[in-house]
Amino acid sequence: MKTKMFIIVLSGLVTGAITGCDTNGEKKMERACENVEEAKEDLREAEMKYAEEWEKFRAEQRDMITRNESSINEYRDRTKTDKDFKTRYDTKINELEDRNNKMRTRLDEYDQEDKEKRRSRWDEFKREFNHDMEELGASLKDLGKDNVK
């Protein structure tokens, strides 16, 4: 009788333990799946935010490059009518135009880089690009100040 009772109790405990383990395992698996889905959603949101920020940055910088081109063209027009200005500033205008073209190329090439590489370098690229654009803009403004007689 004791043996039968022991076997019944033992089998009940084993059954309960197995059922409990499966339930805990299933719950853990469900939570893990939920965490994976949340992480995927967070990644999608981060990528969308990055894409929006990138498009805004690119549009602003392209606009700035276009304004630089306009300033360079104004200086080029002046070199056609003012020979003294041409002599003094033609080389500098060519250098500024080359720098502006290189900035456009950098912007376009960065857009074509691998997503993962872009994400890891985004802050660095943005900081350096803004710095270089500010220097170029300052050089264009300084060129205009130098020719005031």
N, C-alpha and C. Protein backbone atom coordinates (compact mmCIF):
# COMPACT_ATOMS: atom_id res chain seq x y z
N MET A 1 0.81 -1.17 0.00
CA MET A 1 0.00 0.00 0.00
C MET A 1 0.87 1.26 0.00
N LYS A 2 1.90 1.25 0.84
CA LYS A 2 2.80 2.38 0.87
C LYS A 2 3.48 2.55 -0.48
N THR A 3 3.83 1.48 -1.11
CA THR A 3 4.50 1.55 -2.39
C THR A 3 3.56 2.11 -3.46
N LYS A 4 2.28 1.66 -3.45
CA LYS A 4 1.32 2.17 -4.41
C LYS A 4 1.14 3.68 -4.20
N MET A 5 0.99 4.07 -2.96
CA MET A 5 0.79 5.48 -2.64
C MET A 5 2.02 6.28 -3.06
N PHE A 6 3.19 5.74 -2.81
CA PHE A 6 4.43 6.40 -3.18
C PHE A 6 4.50 6.56 -4.70
N ILE A 7 4.15 5.56 -5.46
CA ILE A 7 4.18 5.60 -6.92
C ILE A 7 3.16 6.62 -7.44
N ILE A 8 1.98 6.64 -6.84
CA ILE A 8 0.96 7.60 -7.27
C ILE A 8 1.42 9.03 -7.00
N VAL A 9 1.95 9.26 -5.81
CA VAL A 9 2.43 10.60 -5.46
C VAL A 9 3.61 10.99 -6.35
N LEU A 10 4.51 10.07 -6.53
CA LEU A 10 5.68 10.32 -7.37
C LEU A 10 5.27 10.62 -8.79
N SER A 11 4.36 9.83 -9.35
CA SER A 11 3.93 10.08 -10.72
C SER A 11 3.18 11.42 -10.83
N GLY A 12 2.44 11.77 -9.79
CA GLY A 12 1.76 13.08 -9.78
C GLY A 12 2.76 14.22 -9.76
N LEU A 13 3.80 14.08 -8.96
CA LEU A 13 4.83 15.12 -8.91
C LEU A 13 5.57 15.25 -10.23
N VAL A 14 5.91 14.13 -10.81
CA VAL A 14 6.62 14.14 -12.10
C VAL A 14 5.73 14.78 -13.16
N THR A 15 4.46 14.38 -13.20
CA THR A 15 3.53 14.96 -14.18
C THR A 15 3.38 16.46 -13.97
N GLY A 16 3.24 16.86 -12.73
CA GLY A 16 3.12 18.29 -12.42
C GLY A 16 4.37 19.06 -12.79
N ALA A 17 5.51 18.47 -12.53
CA ALA A 17 6.78 19.13 -12.85
C ALA A 17 6.93 19.28 -14.36
N ILE A 18 6.59 18.22 -15.09
CA ILE A 18 6.71 18.28 -16.54
C ILE A 18 5.75 19.31 -17.11
N THR A 19 4.53 19.29 -16.64
CA THR A 19 3.53 20.25 -17.12
C THR A 19 3.95 21.67 -16.76
N GLY A 20 4.45 21.85 -15.56
CA GLY A 20 4.91 23.16 -15.12
C GLY A 20 6.09 23.63 -15.94
N CYS A 21 7.01 22.75 -16.25
CA CYS A 21 8.18 23.11 -17.05
C CYS A 21 7.75 23.51 -18.45
N ASP A 22 6.85 22.74 -19.03
CA ASP A 22 6.39 23.06 -20.37
C ASP A 22 5.70 24.42 -20.39
N THR A 23 4.89 24.70 -19.38
CA THR A 23 4.19 25.97 -19.31
C THR A 23 5.19 27.11 -19.17
N ASN A 24 6.18 26.94 -18.28
CA ASN A 24 7.20 27.98 -18.13
C ASN A 24 8.00 28.13 -19.41
N GLY A 25 8.32 27.02 -20.02
CA GLY A 25 9.07 27.06 -21.28
C GLY A 25 8.29 27.75 -22.38
N GLU A 26 7.00 27.46 -22.45
CA GLU A 26 6.16 28.10 -23.46
C GLU A 26 6.06 29.60 -23.21
N LYS A 27 5.92 29.96 -21.93
CA LYS A 27 5.82 31.38 -21.60
C LYS A 27 7.12 32.11 -21.94
N LYS A 28 8.24 31.47 -21.64
CA LYS A 28 9.52 32.07 -21.96
C LYS A 28 9.67 32.23 -23.47
N MET A 29 9.23 31.22 -24.20
CA MET A 29 9.31 31.27 -25.65
C MET A 29 8.42 32.39 -26.20
N GLU A 30 7.22 32.52 -25.64
CA GLU A 30 6.31 33.59 -26.08
C GLU A 30 6.92 34.97 -25.80
N ARG A 31 7.50 35.12 -24.60
CA ARG A 31 8.14 36.40 -24.25
C ARG A 31 9.32 36.68 -25.17
N ALA A 32 10.08 35.65 -25.47
CA ALA A 32 11.23 35.83 -26.37
C ALA A 32 10.74 36.25 -27.75
N CYS A 33 9.69 35.63 -28.23
CA CYS A 33 9.13 36.00 -29.54
C CYS A 33 8.62 37.43 -29.52
N GLU A 34 7.96 37.81 -28.44
CA GLU A 34 7.47 39.18 -28.31
C GLU A 34 8.64 40.16 -28.30
N ASN A 35 9.70 39.81 -27.58
CA ASN A 35 10.89 40.68 -27.53
C ASN A 35 11.51 40.84 -28.91
N VAL A 36 11.56 39.76 -29.65
CA VAL A 36 12.13 39.81 -31.01
C VAL A 36 11.27 40.72 -31.89
N GLU A 37 9.95 40.58 -31.79
CA GLU A 37 9.05 41.42 -32.59
C GLU A 37 9.20 42.89 -32.20
N GLU A 38 9.31 43.17 -30.90
CA GLU A 38 9.51 44.54 -30.45
C GLU A 38 10.83 45.10 -30.97
N ALA A 39 11.87 44.28 -30.93
CA ALA A 39 13.17 44.72 -31.42
C ALA A 39 13.10 45.00 -32.92
N LYS A 40 12.41 44.16 -33.65
CA LYS A 40 12.26 44.39 -35.10
C LYS A 40 11.51 45.69 -35.36
N GLU A 41 10.47 45.93 -34.60
CA GLU A 41 9.69 47.17 -34.75
C GLU A 41 10.54 48.38 -34.40
N ASP A 42 11.33 48.29 -33.32
CA ASP A 42 12.23 49.38 -32.95
C ASP A 42 13.24 49.65 -34.06
N LEU A 43 13.75 48.59 -34.66
CA LEU A 43 14.71 48.74 -35.75
C LEU A 43 14.05 49.41 -36.95
N ARG A 44 12.84 49.00 -37.29
CA ARG A 44 12.12 49.62 -38.41
C ARG A 44 11.90 51.11 -38.14
N GLU A 45 11.50 51.44 -36.92
CA GLU A 45 11.29 52.84 -36.57
C GLU A 45 12.59 53.64 -36.64
N ALA A 46 13.66 53.05 -36.15
CA ALA A 46 14.96 53.73 -36.19
C ALA A 46 15.40 53.94 -37.63
N GLU A 47 15.20 52.95 -38.48
CA GLU A 47 15.57 53.09 -39.90
C GLU A 47 14.72 54.16 -40.58
N MET A 48 13.45 54.22 -40.24
CA MET A 48 12.59 55.25 -40.82
C MET A 48 13.03 56.64 -40.36
N LYS A 49 13.34 56.76 -39.08
CA LYS A 49 13.80 58.04 -38.54
C LYS A 49 15.11 58.45 -39.21
N TYR A 50 16.01 57.50 -39.34
CA TYR A 50 17.29 57.78 -40.00
C TYR A 50 17.06 58.21 -41.44
N ALA A 51 16.18 57.50 -42.16
CA ALA A 51 15.90 57.83 -43.56
C ALA A 51 15.33 59.24 -43.68
N GLU A 52 14.43 59.60 -42.79
CA GLU A 52 13.86 60.95 -42.81
C GLU A 52 14.93 62.00 -42.53
N GLU A 53 15.76 61.72 -41.52
CA GLU A 53 16.82 62.67 -41.17
C GLU A 53 17.82 62.80 -42.32
N TRP A 54 18.16 61.69 -42.95
CA TRP A 54 19.09 61.70 -44.07
C TRP A 54 18.52 62.49 -45.24
N GLU A 55 17.26 62.28 -45.59
CA GLU A 55 16.65 63.00 -46.71
C GLU A 55 16.62 64.50 -46.44
N LYS A 56 16.30 64.89 -45.22
CA LYS A 56 16.28 66.31 -44.87
C LYS A 56 17.69 66.90 -44.97
N PHE A 57 18.66 66.19 -44.41
CA PHE A 57 20.05 66.66 -44.45
C PHE A 57 20.52 66.78 -45.90
N ARG A 58 20.25 65.76 -46.70
CA ARG A 58 20.70 65.76 -48.10
C ARG A 58 20.06 66.91 -48.87
N ALA A 59 18.77 67.15 -48.66
CA ALA A 59 18.09 68.24 -49.36
C ALA A 59 18.69 69.59 -48.97
N GLU A 60 18.94 69.78 -47.68
CA GLU A 60 19.53 71.04 -47.21
C GLU A 60 20.92 71.25 -47.81
N GLN A 61 21.71 70.19 -47.83
CA GLN A 61 23.08 70.31 -48.34
C GLN A 61 23.10 70.52 -49.86
N ARG A 62 22.21 69.85 -50.56
CA ARG A 62 22.14 70.07 -52.02
C ARG A 62 21.73 71.50 -52.32
N ASP A 63 20.83 72.03 -51.52
CA ASP A 63 20.42 73.43 -51.69
C ASP A 63 21.61 74.35 -51.47
N MET A 64 22.39 74.07 -50.44
CA MET A 64 23.58 74.88 -50.15
C MET A 64 24.59 74.77 -51.30
N ILE A 65 24.79 73.59 -51.81
CA ILE A 65 25.72 73.40 -52.93
C ILE A 65 25.24 74.19 -54.15
N THR A 66 23.95 74.18 -54.40
CA THR A 66 23.38 74.92 -55.52
C THR A 66 23.59 76.43 -55.32
N ARG A 67 23.40 76.92 -54.10
CA ARG A 67 23.66 78.34 -53.82
C ARG A 67 25.14 78.67 -54.02
N ASN A 68 26.01 77.75 -53.61
CA ASN A 68 27.45 77.96 -53.83
C ASN A 68 27.75 78.05 -55.32
N GLU A 69 27.13 77.18 -56.11
CA GLU A 69 27.32 77.22 -57.56
C GLU A 69 26.88 78.56 -58.13
N SER A 70 25.79 79.07 -57.61
CA SER A 70 25.29 80.37 -58.07
C SER A 70 26.30 81.47 -57.76
N SER A 71 26.86 81.44 -56.56
CA SER A 71 27.87 82.44 -56.19
C SER A 71 29.11 82.31 -57.07
N ILE A 72 29.52 81.09 -57.30
CA ILE A 72 30.70 80.86 -58.15
C ILE A 72 30.44 81.38 -59.55
N ASN A 73 29.24 81.13 -60.07
CA ASN A 73 28.90 81.62 -61.42
C ASN A 73 28.89 83.15 -61.46
N GLU A 74 28.44 83.80 -60.39
CA GLU A 74 28.48 85.26 -60.34
C GLU A 74 29.92 85.76 -60.41
N TYR A 75 30.81 85.09 -59.68
CA TYR A 75 32.22 85.47 -59.73
C TYR A 75 32.81 85.20 -61.12
N ARG A 76 32.40 84.09 -61.72
CA ARG A 76 32.87 83.78 -63.08
C ARG A 76 32.42 84.86 -64.07
N ASP A 77 31.17 85.30 -63.94
CA ASP A 77 30.67 86.37 -64.82
C ASP A 77 31.48 87.64 -64.62
N ARG A 78 31.86 87.91 -63.39
CA ARG A 78 32.64 89.12 -63.11
C ARG A 78 34.03 89.02 -63.74
N THR A 79 34.58 87.80 -63.78
CA THR A 79 35.92 87.66 -64.38
C THR A 79 35.88 87.95 -65.88
N LYS A 80 34.71 87.81 -66.48
CA LYS A 80 34.58 88.08 -67.93
C LYS A 80 34.63 89.58 -68.23
N THR A 81 34.17 90.38 -67.29
CA THR A 81 34.12 91.83 -67.53
C THR A 81 35.23 92.61 -66.82
N ASP A 82 35.77 92.05 -65.77
CA ASP A 82 36.78 92.76 -64.98
C ASP A 82 38.09 91.99 -65.03
N LYS A 83 39.00 92.43 -65.89
CA LYS A 83 40.26 91.71 -66.10
C LYS A 83 41.13 91.70 -64.85
N ASP A 84 41.10 92.77 -64.09
CA ASP A 84 41.86 92.81 -62.84
C ASP A 84 41.33 91.76 -61.87
N PHE A 85 40.01 91.67 -61.78
CA PHE A 85 39.37 90.67 -60.92
C PHE A 85 39.75 89.27 -61.39
N LYS A 86 39.73 89.06 -62.71
CA LYS A 86 40.08 87.75 -63.27
C LYS A 86 41.50 87.36 -62.88
N THR A 87 42.41 88.27 -63.00
CA THR A 87 43.80 88.00 -62.68
C THR A 87 43.97 87.64 -61.20
N ARG A 88 43.29 88.37 -60.36
CA ARG A 88 43.43 88.17 -58.92
C ARG A 88 42.71 86.93 -58.41
N TYR A 89 41.56 86.60 -59.00
CA TYR A 89 40.70 85.60 -58.37
C TYR A 89 40.36 84.36 -59.20
N ASP A 90 40.81 84.29 -60.43
CA ASP A 90 40.45 83.17 -61.29
C ASP A 90 40.86 81.82 -60.68
N THR A 91 42.07 81.73 -60.17
CA THR A 91 42.55 80.49 -59.56
C THR A 91 41.74 80.15 -58.33
N LYS A 92 41.44 81.15 -57.52
CA LYS A 92 40.67 80.93 -56.30
C LYS A 92 39.25 80.46 -56.64
N ILE A 93 38.66 81.04 -57.66
CA ILE A 93 37.31 80.62 -58.09
C ILE A 93 37.34 79.16 -58.55
N ASN A 94 38.36 78.79 -59.30
CA ASN A 94 38.48 77.38 -59.75
C ASN A 94 38.62 76.43 -58.56
N GLU A 95 39.39 76.85 -57.57
CA GLU A 95 39.55 76.02 -56.36
C GLU A 95 38.22 75.86 -55.62
N LEU A 96 37.49 76.96 -55.49
CA LEU A 96 36.20 76.90 -54.80
C LEU A 96 35.19 76.04 -55.57
N GLU A 97 35.21 76.15 -56.88
CA GLU A 97 34.32 75.33 -57.69
C GLU A 97 34.67 73.85 -57.54
N ASP A 98 35.95 73.55 -57.52
CA ASP A 98 36.40 72.17 -57.33
C ASP A 98 35.96 71.64 -55.96
N ARG A 99 36.14 72.45 -54.93
CA ARG A 99 35.71 72.04 -53.58
C ARG A 99 34.20 71.79 -53.52
N ASN A 100 33.43 72.66 -54.16
CA ASN A 100 31.98 72.51 -54.18
C ASN A 100 31.58 71.22 -54.90
N ASN A 101 32.26 70.94 -56.02
CA ASN A 101 31.98 69.69 -56.75
C ASN A 101 32.34 68.46 -55.93
N LYS A 102 33.42 68.54 -55.20
CA LYS A 102 33.81 67.43 -54.34
C LYS A 102 32.80 67.22 -53.22
N MET A 103 32.23 68.30 -52.71
CA MET A 103 31.21 68.17 -51.67
C MET A 103 29.98 67.46 -52.23
N ARG A 104 29.59 67.81 -53.45
CA ARG A 104 28.45 67.14 -54.08
C ARG A 104 28.74 65.66 -54.25
N THR A 105 29.94 65.33 -54.69
CA THR A 105 30.32 63.93 -54.87
C THR A 105 30.30 63.19 -53.55
N ARG A 106 30.84 63.80 -52.49
CA ARG A 106 30.82 63.16 -51.16
C ARG A 106 29.39 62.87 -50.72
N LEU A 107 28.52 63.83 -50.93
CA LEU A 107 27.12 63.67 -50.53
C LEU A 107 26.47 62.53 -51.32
N ASP A 108 26.72 62.49 -52.61
CA ASP A 108 26.12 61.44 -53.44
C ASP A 108 26.70 60.07 -53.14
N GLU A 109 27.99 59.99 -52.92
CA GLU A 109 28.62 58.69 -52.63
C GLU A 109 28.20 58.16 -51.27
N TYR A 110 28.03 59.05 -50.32
CA TYR A 110 27.61 58.61 -48.99
C TYR A 110 26.22 57.99 -49.07
N ASP A 111 25.36 58.54 -49.89
CA ASP A 111 24.01 58.02 -50.05
C ASP A 111 24.03 56.59 -50.58
N GLN A 112 25.05 56.22 -51.31
CA GLN A 112 25.10 54.90 -51.92
C GLN A 112 25.82 53.87 -51.06
N GLU A 113 26.33 54.28 -49.90
CA GLU A 113 27.03 53.34 -49.03
C GLU A 113 26.07 52.34 -48.40
N ASP A 114 26.63 51.27 -47.91
CA ASP A 114 25.88 50.23 -47.21
C ASP A 114 25.15 50.80 -46.01
N LYS A 115 23.90 50.36 -45.78
CA LYS A 115 23.09 50.86 -44.67
C LYS A 115 23.81 50.78 -43.33
N GLU A 116 24.39 49.64 -43.06
CA GLU A 116 25.04 49.44 -41.77
C GLU A 116 26.21 50.40 -41.59
N LYS A 117 26.96 50.60 -42.65
CA LYS A 117 28.10 51.50 -42.59
C LYS A 117 27.61 52.94 -42.39
N ARG A 118 26.52 53.30 -43.09
CA ARG A 118 25.97 54.64 -42.95
C ARG A 118 25.53 54.90 -41.52
N ARG A 119 24.83 53.92 -40.95
CA ARG A 119 24.29 54.10 -39.61
C ARG A 119 25.41 54.30 -38.60
N SER A 120 26.49 53.57 -38.75
CA SER A 120 27.58 53.67 -37.77
C SER A 120 28.40 54.93 -37.96
N ARG A 121 28.42 55.50 -39.17
CA ARG A 121 29.23 56.68 -39.44
C ARG A 121 28.42 57.96 -39.55
N TRP A 122 27.11 57.88 -39.41
CA TRP A 122 26.24 59.02 -39.69
C TRP A 122 26.64 60.27 -38.95
N ASP A 123 26.80 60.22 -37.65
CA ASP A 123 27.12 61.41 -36.87
C ASP A 123 28.47 62.01 -37.29
N GLU A 124 29.43 61.14 -37.51
CA GLU A 124 30.75 61.61 -37.93
C GLU A 124 30.68 62.28 -39.30
N PHE A 125 30.01 61.64 -40.24
CA PHE A 125 29.88 62.20 -41.58
C PHE A 125 29.17 63.56 -41.53
N LYS A 126 28.07 63.62 -40.80
CA LYS A 126 27.28 64.84 -40.73
C LYS A 126 28.11 65.98 -40.14
N ARG A 127 28.84 65.70 -39.08
CA ARG A 127 29.66 66.73 -38.44
C ARG A 127 30.74 67.23 -39.41
N GLU A 128 31.46 66.30 -40.04
CA GLU A 128 32.53 66.69 -40.96
C GLU A 128 31.99 67.42 -42.18
N PHE A 129 30.89 66.93 -42.73
CA PHE A 129 30.32 67.55 -43.92
C PHE A 129 29.86 68.97 -43.61
N ASN A 130 29.16 69.15 -42.48
CA ASN A 130 28.72 70.49 -42.10
C ASN A 130 29.90 71.43 -41.92
N HIS A 131 30.95 70.94 -41.28
CA HIS A 131 32.15 71.75 -41.07
C HIS A 131 32.75 72.18 -42.40
N ASP A 132 32.89 71.23 -43.32
CA ASP A 132 33.47 71.53 -44.63
C ASP A 132 32.59 72.49 -45.43
N MET A 133 31.27 72.32 -45.34
CA MET A 133 30.36 73.23 -46.04
C MET A 133 30.45 74.64 -45.46
N GLU A 134 30.57 74.74 -44.15
CA GLU A 134 30.72 76.06 -43.52
C GLU A 134 32.00 76.73 -43.97
N GLU A 135 33.09 75.97 -44.05
CA GLU A 135 34.35 76.53 -44.52
C GLU A 135 34.25 76.99 -45.96
N LEU A 136 33.61 76.19 -46.80
CA LEU A 136 33.44 76.56 -48.20
C LEU A 136 32.59 77.83 -48.32
N GLY A 137 31.50 77.89 -47.57
CA GLY A 137 30.65 79.08 -47.59
C GLY A 137 31.41 80.32 -47.12
N ALA A 138 32.22 80.15 -46.08
CA ALA A 138 33.02 81.27 -45.58
C ALA A 138 34.03 81.72 -46.62
N SER A 139 34.63 80.77 -47.32
CA SER A 139 35.60 81.11 -48.37
C SER A 139 34.93 81.89 -49.49
N LEU A 140 33.72 81.47 -49.86
CA LEU A 140 32.99 82.20 -50.90
C LEU A 140 32.66 83.63 -50.44
N LYS A 141 32.25 83.78 -49.20
CA LYS A 141 31.94 85.12 -48.68
C LYS A 141 33.20 85.96 -48.60
N ASP A 142 34.31 85.34 -48.18
CA ASP A 142 35.56 86.08 -48.06
C ASP A 142 36.06 86.54 -49.43
N LEU A 143 35.83 85.75 -50.44
CA LEU A 143 36.24 86.12 -51.79
C LEU A 143 35.51 87.41 -52.18
N GLY A 144 34.25 87.49 -51.85
CA GLY A 144 33.48 88.69 -52.14
C GLY A 144 33.95 89.90 -51.36
N LYS A 145 34.42 89.70 -50.15
CA LYS A 145 34.89 90.82 -49.32
C LYS A 145 36.23 91.32 -49.80
N ASP A 146 37.07 90.40 -50.30
CA ASP A 146 38.41 90.79 -50.74
C ASP A 146 38.36 91.75 -51.92
N ASN A 147 37.32 91.68 -52.75
CA ASN A 147 37.32 92.47 -53.96
C ASN A 147 36.68 93.83 -53.77
N VAL A 148 36.25 94.16 -52.56
CA VAL A 148 35.67 95.47 -52.31
C VAL A 148 36.80 96.50 -52.31
N LYS A 149 36.64 97.54 -53.14
CA LYS A 149 37.72 98.55 -53.26
C LYS A 149 37.42 99.76 -52.45
